[in-house]
Structures are given as structure tokens and as C-alpha cells.
PDB file of N, CA and C in Angstrom:
ATOM      1  N   UNK A   1     -11.688   6.094 135.361  1.00  0.00           N
ATOM      2  CA  UNK A   1     -10.751   6.339 135.126  1.00  0.00           C
ATOM      3  C   UNK A   1      -9.756   7.080 133.936  1.00  0.00           C
ATOM      4  N   UNK A   2      -9.508   7.989 133.777  1.00  0.00           N
ATOM      5  CA  UNK A   2      -9.201   8.163 132.103  1.00  0.00           C
ATOM      6  C   UNK A   2      -8.211   7.151 131.709  1.00  0.00           C
ATOM      7  N   UNK A   3      -7.888   7.439 130.789  1.00  0.00           N
ATOM      8  CA  UNK A   3      -6.644   6.265 129.765  1.00  0.00           C
ATOM      9  C   UNK A   3      -5.678   7.135 129.430  1.00  0.00           C
ATOM     10  N   UNK A   4      -4.192   6.895 129.448  1.00  0.00           N
ATOM     11  CA  UNK A   4      -3.022   7.398 128.957  1.00  0.00           C
ATOM     12  C   UNK A   4      -3.233   7.770 127.397  1.00  0.00           C
ATOM     13  N   UNK A   5      -4.182   7.607 126.499  1.00  0.00           N
ATOM     14  CA  UNK A   5      -4.065   8.151 125.652  1.00  0.00           C
ATOM     15  C   UNK A   5      -5.124   9.383 125.469  1.00  0.00           C
ATOM     16  N   UNK A   6      -5.706   9.757 126.442  1.00  0.00           N
ATOM     17  CA  UNK A   6      -6.604  10.855 126.293  1.00  0.00           C
ATOM     18  C   UNK A   6      -5.730  12.118 127.477  1.00  0.00           C
ATOM     19  N   UNK A   7      -5.161  11.185 128.265  1.00  0.00           N
ATOM     20  CA  UNK A   7      -4.001  12.823 128.646  1.00  0.00           C
ATOM     21  C   UNK A   7      -3.568  13.049 128.030  1.00  0.00           C
ATOM     22  N   UNK A   8      -2.382  12.289 127.192  1.00  0.00           N
ATOM     23  CA  UNK A   8      -1.161  12.844 126.523  1.00  0.00           C
ATOM     24  C   UNK A   8      -1.589  12.879 124.951  1.00  0.00           C
ATOM     25  N   UNK A   9      -2.454  14.067 124.387  1.00  0.00           N
ATOM     26  CA  UNK A   9      -3.299  13.344 122.855  1.00  0.00           C
ATOM     27  C   UNK A   9      -2.139  13.854 122.241  1.00  0.00           C
ATOM     28  N   UNK A  10      -0.959  14.605 122.386  1.00  0.00           N
ATOM     29  CA  UNK A  10       0.262  15.020 121.152  1.00  0.00           C
ATOM     30  C   UNK A  10       1.133  14.103 121.679  1.00  0.00           C
ATOM     31  N   UNK A  11       1.309  13.152 122.269  1.00  0.00           N
ATOM     32  CA  UNK A  11       1.943  12.007 121.915  1.00  0.00           C
ATOM     33  C   UNK A  11       3.533  12.257 123.042  1.00  0.00           C
ATOM     34  N   UNK A  12       4.715  11.506 122.863  1.00  0.00           N
ATOM     35  CA  UNK A  12       5.595  12.096 123.309  1.00  0.00           C
ATOM     36  C   UNK A  12       6.514  13.121 123.010  1.00  0.00           C
ATOM     37  N   UNK A  13       6.409  13.650 122.077  1.00  0.00           N
ATOM     38  CA  UNK A  13       7.045  15.014 121.422  1.00  0.00           C
ATOM     39  C   UNK A  13       6.141  16.176 122.441  1.00  0.00           C
ATOM     40  N   UNK A  14       5.341  16.073 122.921  1.00  0.00           N
ATOM     41  CA  UNK A  14       4.353  17.150 123.950  1.00  0.00           C
ATOM     42  C   UNK A  14       5.574  17.260 125.167  1.00  0.00           C
ATOM     43  N   UNK A  15       6.178  16.252 125.550  1.00  0.00           N
ATOM     44  CA  UNK A  15       6.820  16.117 126.778  1.00  0.00           C
ATOM     45  C   UNK A  15       8.411  16.639 126.936  1.00  0.00           C
ATOM     46  N   UNK A  16       8.527  16.877 125.503  1.00  0.00           N
ATOM     47  CA  UNK A  16      10.119  17.458 125.111  1.00  0.00           C
ATOM     48  C   UNK A  16      10.781  19.040 125.766  1.00  0.00           C
ATOM     49  N   UNK A  17      11.358  19.551 126.575  1.00  0.00           N
ATOM     50  CA  UNK A  17      11.652  21.122 126.349  1.00  0.00           C
ATOM     51  C   UNK A  17      12.136  21.599 125.168  1.00  0.00           C
ATOM     52  N   UNK A  18      11.192  22.804 124.969  1.00  0.00           N
ATOM     53  CA  UNK A  18      11.499  23.864 123.773  1.00  0.00           C
ATOM     54  C   UNK A  18      12.893  23.925 124.113  1.00  0.00           C
ATOM     55  N   UNK A  19      14.068  24.665 122.928  1.00  0.00           N
ATOM     56  CA  UNK A  19      15.283  24.904 123.298  1.00  0.00           C
ATOM     57  C   UNK A  19      15.414  26.331 123.442  1.00  0.00           C
ATOM     58  N   UNK A  20      16.168  26.651 124.009  1.00  0.00           N
ATOM     59  CA  UNK A  20      16.232  28.112 125.405  1.00  0.00           C
ATOM     60  C   UNK A  20      16.700  29.204 124.250  1.00  0.00           C
ATOM     61  N   UNK A  21      16.193  30.105 123.920  1.00  0.00           N
ATOM     62  CA  UNK A  21      17.243  31.223 123.085  1.00  0.00           C
ATOM     63  C   UNK A  21      18.367  31.821 123.630  1.00  0.00           C
ATOM     64  N   UNK A  22      18.105  31.570 124.956  1.00  0.00           N
ATOM     65  CA  UNK A  22      19.069  32.519 125.971  1.00  0.00           C
ATOM     66  C   UNK A  22      20.463  31.919 125.452  1.00  0.00           C
ATOM     67  N   UNK A  23      20.890  30.788 125.515  1.00  0.00           N
ATOM     68  CA  UNK A  23      21.823  30.233 124.898  1.00  0.00           C
ATOM     69  C   UNK A  23      22.692  30.437 123.743  1.00  0.00           C
ATOM     70  N   UNK A  24      21.830  31.004 122.787  1.00  0.00           N
ATOM     71  CA  UNK A  24      22.378  30.902 121.652  1.00  0.00           C
ATOM     72  C   UNK A  24      23.012  32.705 121.657  1.00  0.00           C
ATOM     73  N   UNK A  25      21.779  33.123 122.444  1.00  0.00           N
ATOM     74  CA  UNK A  25      22.320  34.754 122.777  1.00  0.00           C
ATOM     75  C   UNK A  25      24.052  35.205 123.538  1.00  0.00           C
ATOM     76  N   UNK A  26      24.146  34.262 123.893  1.00  0.00           N
ATOM     77  CA  UNK A  26      25.289  34.223 125.027  1.00  0.00           C
ATOM     78  C   UNK A  26      26.366  33.993 124.279  1.00  0.00           C
ATOM     79  N   UNK A  27      26.357  33.053 123.334  1.00  0.00           N
ATOM     80  CA  UNK A  27      27.263  32.383 122.673  1.00  0.00           C
ATOM     81  C   UNK A  27      27.953  33.830 121.680  1.00  0.00           C
ATOM     82  N   UNK A  28      26.392  34.495 121.279  1.00  0.00           N
ATOM     83  CA  UNK A  28      26.947  35.161 120.269  1.00  0.00           C
ATOM     84  C   UNK A  28      27.610  36.476 120.944  1.00  0.00           C
ATOM     85  N   UNK A  29      27.251  37.080 122.011  1.00  0.00           N
ATOM     86  CA  UNK A  29      27.810  37.905 122.421  1.00  0.00           C
ATOM     87  C   UNK A  29      29.184  37.672 123.643  1.00  0.00           C
ATOM     88  N   UNK A  30      29.626  36.423 123.370  1.00  0.00           N
ATOM     89  CA  UNK A  30      30.408  35.942 124.140  1.00  0.00           C
ATOM     90  C   UNK A  30      31.827  37.064 123.629  1.00  0.00           C
ATOM     91  N   UNK A  31      32.569  37.004 124.687  1.00  0.00           N
ATOM     92  CA  UNK A  31      33.755  38.460 124.882  1.00  0.00           C
ATOM     93  C   UNK A  31      35.092  37.121 124.688  1.00  0.00           C
ATOM     94  N   UNK A  32      35.725  37.274 123.201  1.00  0.00           N
ATOM     95  CA  UNK A  32      36.558  35.759 123.177  1.00  0.00           C
ATOM     96  C   UNK A  32      38.117  36.630 123.362  1.00  0.00           C
ATOM     97  N   UNK A  33      38.737  35.922 122.614  1.00  0.00           N
ATOM     98  CA  UNK A  33      40.278  36.324 122.387  1.00  0.00           C
ATOM     99  C   UNK A  33      40.512  37.081 120.839  1.00  0.00           C
ATOM    100  N   UNK A  34      39.464  36.307 120.220  1.00  0.00           N
ATOM    101  CA  UNK A  34      39.570  36.646 118.554  1.00  0.00           C
ATOM    102  C   UNK A  34      38.621  38.342 118.784  1.00  0.00           C
ATOM    103  N   UNK A  35      37.884  38.707 119.381  1.00  0.00           N
ATOM    104  CA  UNK A  35      36.852  39.599 119.459  1.00  0.00           C
ATOM    105  C   UNK A  35      37.817  40.899 119.787  1.00  0.00           C
ATOM    106  N   UNK A  36      38.726  40.378 120.831  1.00  0.00           N
ATOM    107  CA  UNK A  36      39.307  41.239 121.570  1.00  0.00           C
ATOM    108  C   UNK A  36      41.123  41.834 120.466  1.00  0.00           C
ATOM    109  N   UNK A  37      41.397  40.844 120.053  1.00  0.00           N
ATOM    110  CA  UNK A  37      42.244  40.872 119.026  1.00  0.00           C
ATOM    111  C   UNK A  37      41.699  41.554 117.641  1.00  0.00           C
ATOM    112  N   UNK A  38      40.929  41.466 117.730  1.00  0.00           N
ATOM    113  CA  UNK A  38      40.562  42.355 116.015  1.00  0.00           C
ATOM    114  C   UNK A  38      39.938  43.680 116.700  1.00  0.00           C
ATOM    115  N   UNK A  39      39.709  44.163 118.180  1.00  0.00           N
ATOM    116  CA  UNK A  39      39.410  45.603 118.529  1.00  0.00           C
ATOM    117  C   UNK A  39      40.686  45.897 118.368  1.00  0.00           C
ATOM    118  N   UNK A  40      41.582  45.750 118.796  1.00  0.00           N
ATOM    119  CA  UNK A  40      42.622  46.406 119.644  1.00  0.00           C
ATOM    120  C   UNK A  40      43.609  46.455 118.029  1.00  0.00           C
ATOM    121  N   UNK A  41      43.800  45.643 116.686  1.00  0.00           N
ATOM    122  CA  UNK A  41      43.817  45.603 115.633  1.00  0.00           C
ATOM    123  C   UNK A  41      43.472  47.072 115.136  1.00  0.00           C
ATOM    124  N   UNK A  42      41.675  46.969 115.003  1.00  0.00           N
ATOM    125  CA  UNK A  42      41.410  48.278 114.974  1.00  0.00           C
ATOM    126  C   UNK A  42      41.917  49.396 115.665  1.00  0.00           C
ATOM    127  N   UNK A  43      41.788  49.499 116.273  1.00  0.00           N
ATOM    128  CA  UNK A  43      42.466  50.777 117.186  1.00  0.00           C
ATOM    129  C   UNK A  43      43.572  51.285 116.856  1.00  0.00           C
ATOM    130  N   UNK A  44      44.912  50.061 116.697  1.00  0.00           N
ATOM    131  CA  UNK A  44      46.021  50.529 116.246  1.00  0.00           C
ATOM    132  C   UNK A  44      46.039  51.751 114.848  1.00  0.00           C
ATOM    133  N   UNK A  45      45.297  50.295 114.131  1.00  0.00           N
ATOM    134  CA  UNK A  45      45.273  51.359 112.554  1.00  0.00           C
ATOM    135  C   UNK A  45      44.897  52.892 112.872  1.00  0.00           C
ATOM    136  N   UNK A  46      43.938  52.668 113.837  1.00  0.00           N
ATOM    137  CA  UNK A  46      43.042  54.304 113.736  1.00  0.00           C
ATOM    138  C   UNK A  46      44.278  55.012 114.319  1.00  0.00           C
ATOM    139  N   UNK A  47      44.978  54.996 114.928  1.00  0.00           N
ATOM    140  CA  UNK A  47      45.783  55.450 115.554  1.00  0.00           C
ATOM    141  C   UNK A  47      47.345  55.765 114.518  1.00  0.00           C
ATOM    142  N   UNK A  48      47.332  55.010 113.833  1.00  0.00           N
ATOM    143  CA  UNK A  48      48.634  54.813 113.350  1.00  0.00           C
ATOM    144  C   UNK A  48      48.007  56.119 112.186  1.00  0.00           C
ATOM    145  N   UNK A  49      46.889  56.034 111.683  1.00  0.00           N
ATOM    146  CA  UNK A  49      46.507  56.949 110.504  1.00  0.00           C
ATOM    147  C   UNK A  49      46.406  58.204 110.954  1.00  0.00           C
ATOM    148  N   UNK A  50      46.188  58.367 112.245  1.00  0.00           N
ATOM    149  CA  UNK A  50      45.721  59.753 113.070  1.00  0.00           C
ATOM    150  C   UNK A  50      47.056  60.286 113.408  1.00  0.00           C
ATOM    151  N   UNK A  51      47.628  59.899 113.560  1.00  0.00           N
ATOM    152  CA  UNK A  51      49.442  59.971 113.720  1.00  0.00           C
ATOM    153  C   UNK A  51      49.909  60.489 112.654  1.00  0.00           C
ATOM    154  N   UNK A  52      49.906  59.977 111.675  1.00  0.00           N
ATOM    155  CA  UNK A  52      50.345  60.350 110.047  1.00  0.00           C
ATOM    156  C   UNK A  52      49.714  61.584 109.885  1.00  0.00           C
ATOM    157  N   UNK A  53      48.461  61.536 110.063  1.00  0.00           N
ATOM    158  CA  UNK A  53      47.802  63.125 109.478  1.00  0.00           C
ATOM    159  C   UNK A  53      48.199  63.830 110.336  1.00  0.00           C
ATOM    160  N   UNK A  54      48.831  64.346 111.810  1.00  0.00           N
ATOM    161  CA  UNK A  54      49.146  64.933 112.379  1.00  0.00           C
ATOM    162  C   UNK A  54      50.213  65.294 112.362  1.00  0.00           C
ATOM    163  N   UNK A  55      51.760  64.248 112.506  1.00  0.00           N
ATOM    164  CA  UNK A  55      52.842  64.290 112.537  1.00  0.00           C
ATOM    165  C   UNK A  55      53.744  64.475 111.452  1.00  0.00           C
ATOM    166  N   UNK A  56      53.267  63.775 110.164  1.00  0.00           N
ATOM    167  CA  UNK A  56      53.322  63.574 109.365  1.00  0.00           C
ATOM    168  C   UNK A  56      54.254  61.859 108.741  1.00  0.00           C
ATOM    169  N   UNK A  57      54.512  61.084 109.865  1.00  0.00           N
ATOM    170  CA  UNK A  57      55.155  59.909 109.684  1.00  0.00           C
ATOM    171  C   UNK A  57      54.634  59.471 111.228  1.00  0.00           C
ATOM    172  N   UNK A  58      55.018  58.247 111.544  1.00  0.00           N
ATOM    173  CA  UNK A  58      54.952  57.047 112.299  1.00  0.00           C
ATOM    174  C   UNK A  58      56.122  56.612 112.979  1.00  0.00           C
ATOM    175  N   UNK A  59      56.744  56.793 114.328  1.00  0.00           N
ATOM    176  CA  UNK A  59      57.943  55.922 114.907  1.00  0.00           C
ATOM    177  C   UNK A  59      57.450  54.866 115.058  1.00  0.00           C
ATOM    178  N   UNK A  60      58.129  53.538 114.453  1.00  0.00           N
ATOM    179  CA  UNK A  60      58.054  52.581 115.363  1.00  0.00           C
ATOM    180  C   UNK A  60      59.044  52.204 115.643  1.00  0.00           C
ATOM    181  N   UNK A  61      59.201  50.693 115.920  1.00  0.00           N
ATOM    182  CA  UNK A  61      60.697  49.885 116.130  1.00  0.00           C
ATOM    183  C   UNK A  61      60.602  48.328 114.698  1.00  0.00           C
ATOM    184  N   UNK A  62      61.438  48.542 114.334  1.00  0.00           N
ATOM    185  CA  UNK A  62      61.268  47.075 113.384  1.00  0.00           C
ATOM    186  C   UNK A  62      62.728  46.469 113.026  1.00  0.00           C
ATOM    187  N   UNK A  63      62.779  45.181 113.377  1.00  0.00           N
ATOM    188  CA  UNK A  63      64.099  44.514 113.560  1.00  0.00           C
ATOM    189  C   UNK A  63      64.944  45.256 113.839  1.00  0.00           C
ATOM    190  N   UNK A  64      64.828  45.835 115.697  1.00  0.00           N
ATOM    191  CA  UNK A  64      66.197  46.103 116.328  1.00  0.00           C
ATOM    192  C   UNK A  64      66.146  47.715 116.089  1.00  0.00           C
ATOM    193  N   UNK A  65      65.753  48.108 115.163  1.00  0.00           N
ATOM    194  CA  UNK A  65      65.998  49.345 114.911  1.00  0.00           C
ATOM    195  C   UNK A  65      64.764  50.646 114.976  1.00  0.00           C
ATOM    196  N   UNK A  66      64.939  51.802 115.621  1.00  0.00           N
ATOM    197  CA  UNK A  66      63.667  52.833 115.934  1.00  0.00           C
ATOM    198  C   UNK A  66      63.483  53.575 114.198  1.00  0.00           C
ATOM    199  N   UNK A  67      62.539  53.112 113.671  1.00  0.00           N
ATOM    200  CA  UNK A  67      62.664  54.003 112.329  1.00  0.00           C
ATOM    201  C   UNK A  67      61.499  54.808 112.530  1.00  0.00           C
ATOM    202  N   UNK A  68      61.459  55.722 111.181  1.00  0.00           N
ATOM    203  CA  UNK A  68      60.292  56.664 110.784  1.00  0.00           C
ATOM    204  C   UNK A  68      59.692  56.300 109.745  1.00  0.00           C
ATOM    205  N   UNK A  69      58.475  56.192 109.353  1.00  0.00           N
ATOM    206  CA  UNK A  69      57.651  55.399 108.434  1.00  0.00           C
ATOM    207  C   UNK A  69      56.665  56.685 108.111  1.00  0.00           C
ATOM    208  N   UNK A  70      56.854  56.909 106.785  1.00  0.00           N
ATOM    209  CA  UNK A  70      56.208  58.340 106.378  1.00  0.00           C
ATOM    210  C   UNK A  70      54.516  57.525 105.442  1.00  0.00           C
ATOM    211  N   UNK A  71      53.965  58.317 105.518  1.00  0.00           N
ATOM    212  CA  UNK A  71      52.602  57.934 104.538  1.00  0.00           C
ATOM    213  C   UNK A  71      52.996  57.409 102.809  1.00  0.00           C
ATOM    214  N   UNK A  72      54.112  57.517 102.064  1.00  0.00           N
ATOM    215  CA  UNK A  72      54.599  56.907 101.341  1.00  0.00           C
ATOM    216  C   UNK A  72      55.097  55.471 101.346  1.00  0.00           C
ATOM    217  N   UNK A  73      55.102  54.863 102.727  1.00  0.00           N
ATOM    218  CA  UNK A  73      56.084  54.106 102.980  1.00  0.00           C
ATOM    219  C   UNK A  73      57.282  54.185 103.246  1.00  0.00           C
ATOM    220  N   UNK A  74      57.901  55.050 102.683  1.00  0.00           N
ATOM    221  CA  UNK A  74      59.300  55.550 103.069  1.00  0.00           C
ATOM    222  C   UNK A  74      59.696  55.228 104.171  1.00  0.00           C
ATOM    223  N   UNK A  75      60.889  54.240 103.872  1.00  0.00           N
ATOM    224  CA  UNK A  75      61.716  54.011 105.920  1.00  0.00           C
ATOM    225  C   UNK A  75      62.682  54.674 106.091  1.00  0.00           C
ATOM    226  N   UNK A  76      63.029  55.617 107.560  1.00  0.00           N
ATOM    227  CA  UNK A  76      64.431  56.038 107.498  1.00  0.00           C
ATOM    228  C   UNK A  76      64.138  55.852 108.816  1.00  0.00           C
ATOM    229  N   UNK A  77      65.460  54.753 108.857  1.00  0.00           N
ATOM    230  CA  UNK A  77      66.350  54.662 110.300  1.00  0.00           C
ATOM    231  C   UNK A  77      66.904  55.271 111.300  1.00  0.00           C
ATOM    232  N   UNK A  78      66.559  55.572 112.752  1.00  0.00           N
ATOM    233  CA  UNK A  78      67.524  56.637 113.349  1.00  0.00           C
ATOM    234  C   UNK A  78      68.293  56.150 114.358  1.00  0.00           C
ATOM    235  N   UNK A  79      67.376  54.980 115.029  1.00  0.00           N
ATOM    236  CA  UNK A  79      68.785  54.265 115.915  1.00  0.00           C
ATOM    237  C   UNK A  79      68.555  52.563 116.028  1.00  0.00           C
ATOM    238  N   UNK A  80      69.686  52.622 116.390  1.00  0.00           N
ATOM    239  CA  UNK A  80      69.613  51.238 116.981  1.00  0.00           C
ATOM    240  C   UNK A  80      68.877  51.205 118.650  1.00  0.00           C
ATOM    241  N   UNK A  81      68.119  50.075 118.865  1.00  0.00           N
ATOM    242  CA  UNK A  81      67.324  49.871 120.263  1.00  0.00           C
ATOM    243  C   UNK A  81      68.869  48.805 120.439  1.00  0.00           C
ATOM    244  N   UNK A  82      69.034  49.528 122.071  1.00  0.00           N
ATOM    245  CA  UNK A  82      70.176  48.625 122.839  1.00  0.00           C
ATOM    246  C   UNK A  82      69.263  47.368 123.272  1.00  0.00           C
ATOM    247  N   UNK A  83      70.580  46.487 123.314  1.00  0.00           N
ATOM    248  CA  UNK A  83      69.933  45.400 124.038  1.00  0.00           C
ATOM    249  C   UNK A  83      70.241  45.075 125.476  1.00  0.00           C
ATOM    250  N   UNK A  84      69.190  44.493 126.377  1.00  0.00           N
ATOM    251  CA  UNK A  84      69.714  44.660 127.359  1.00  0.00           C
ATOM    252  C   UNK A  84      69.244  43.043 128.017  1.00  0.00           C
ATOM    253  N   UNK A  85      70.340  43.148 129.140  1.00  0.00           N
ATOM    254  CA  UNK A  85      70.213  41.656 129.790  1.00  0.00           C
ATOM    255  C   UNK A  85      69.632  41.766 131.136  1.00  0.00           C
ATOM    256  N   UNK A  86      69.134  40.447 131.143  1.00  0.00           N
ATOM    257  CA  UNK A  86      68.209  40.449 132.141  1.00  0.00           C
ATOM    258  C   UNK A  86      69.072  39.323 133.255  1.00  0.00           C
ATOM    259  N   UNK A  87      68.650  39.751 134.297  1.00  0.00           N
ATOM    260  CA  UNK A  87      69.059  39.168 134.957  1.00  0.00           C
ATOM    261  C   UNK A  87      68.264  38.811 136.432  1.00  0.00           C
ATOM    262  N   UNK A  88      67.632  37.838 136.465  1.00  0.00           N
ATOM    263  CA  UNK A  88      66.746  37.386 137.799  1.00  0.00           C
ATOM    264  C   UNK A  88      67.726  36.821 139.542  1.00  0.00           C
TER     265      UNK A  88
END
């Protein structure tokens, strides 16, 4: 009969499982809230820039007012946004 030392020549470390590379890749490619927020911000910035190129200004709502924002950051108030009462 063969002894234990001849069967397992490499010692106890030979019995350990190697780390799976799949886990690291799955975490790297995870679709998270942060990834979604970054993509949304980038898309909004690109849309703002394109609108300014085409129209010369952007219409946005800021502090309860509809305003025009020009490329030189000049802001012109257009109208106040009406308050809405919600009934549920």
C-alpha cells in the first residue's frame, strides 16, 4: 500500500480550488445605479449642447420658472410654473 506522502506530493495546498475569474468579470460588468446615473448625465449634457447649437438656447424649469438659457449663460425668465393641487 502507498503511504499518504506519496499520493499527495504537493501537500495541503494542492487541494485548494483556484479562484474563478468569472466572479471578477461579473462584478466589473455589473449594471449599477451609478453606471446608469453617469450614462444619463452624459446623455443630458450632449442633448443640451446639441439644442444650443440648433436653437441658440435651452428652455428649462428653474426655481419654479420656465427660463431660456443662452450659450453665454444669460438667463431670461419666460413664465412662472403654476402650482398644482393633488387630490388622491
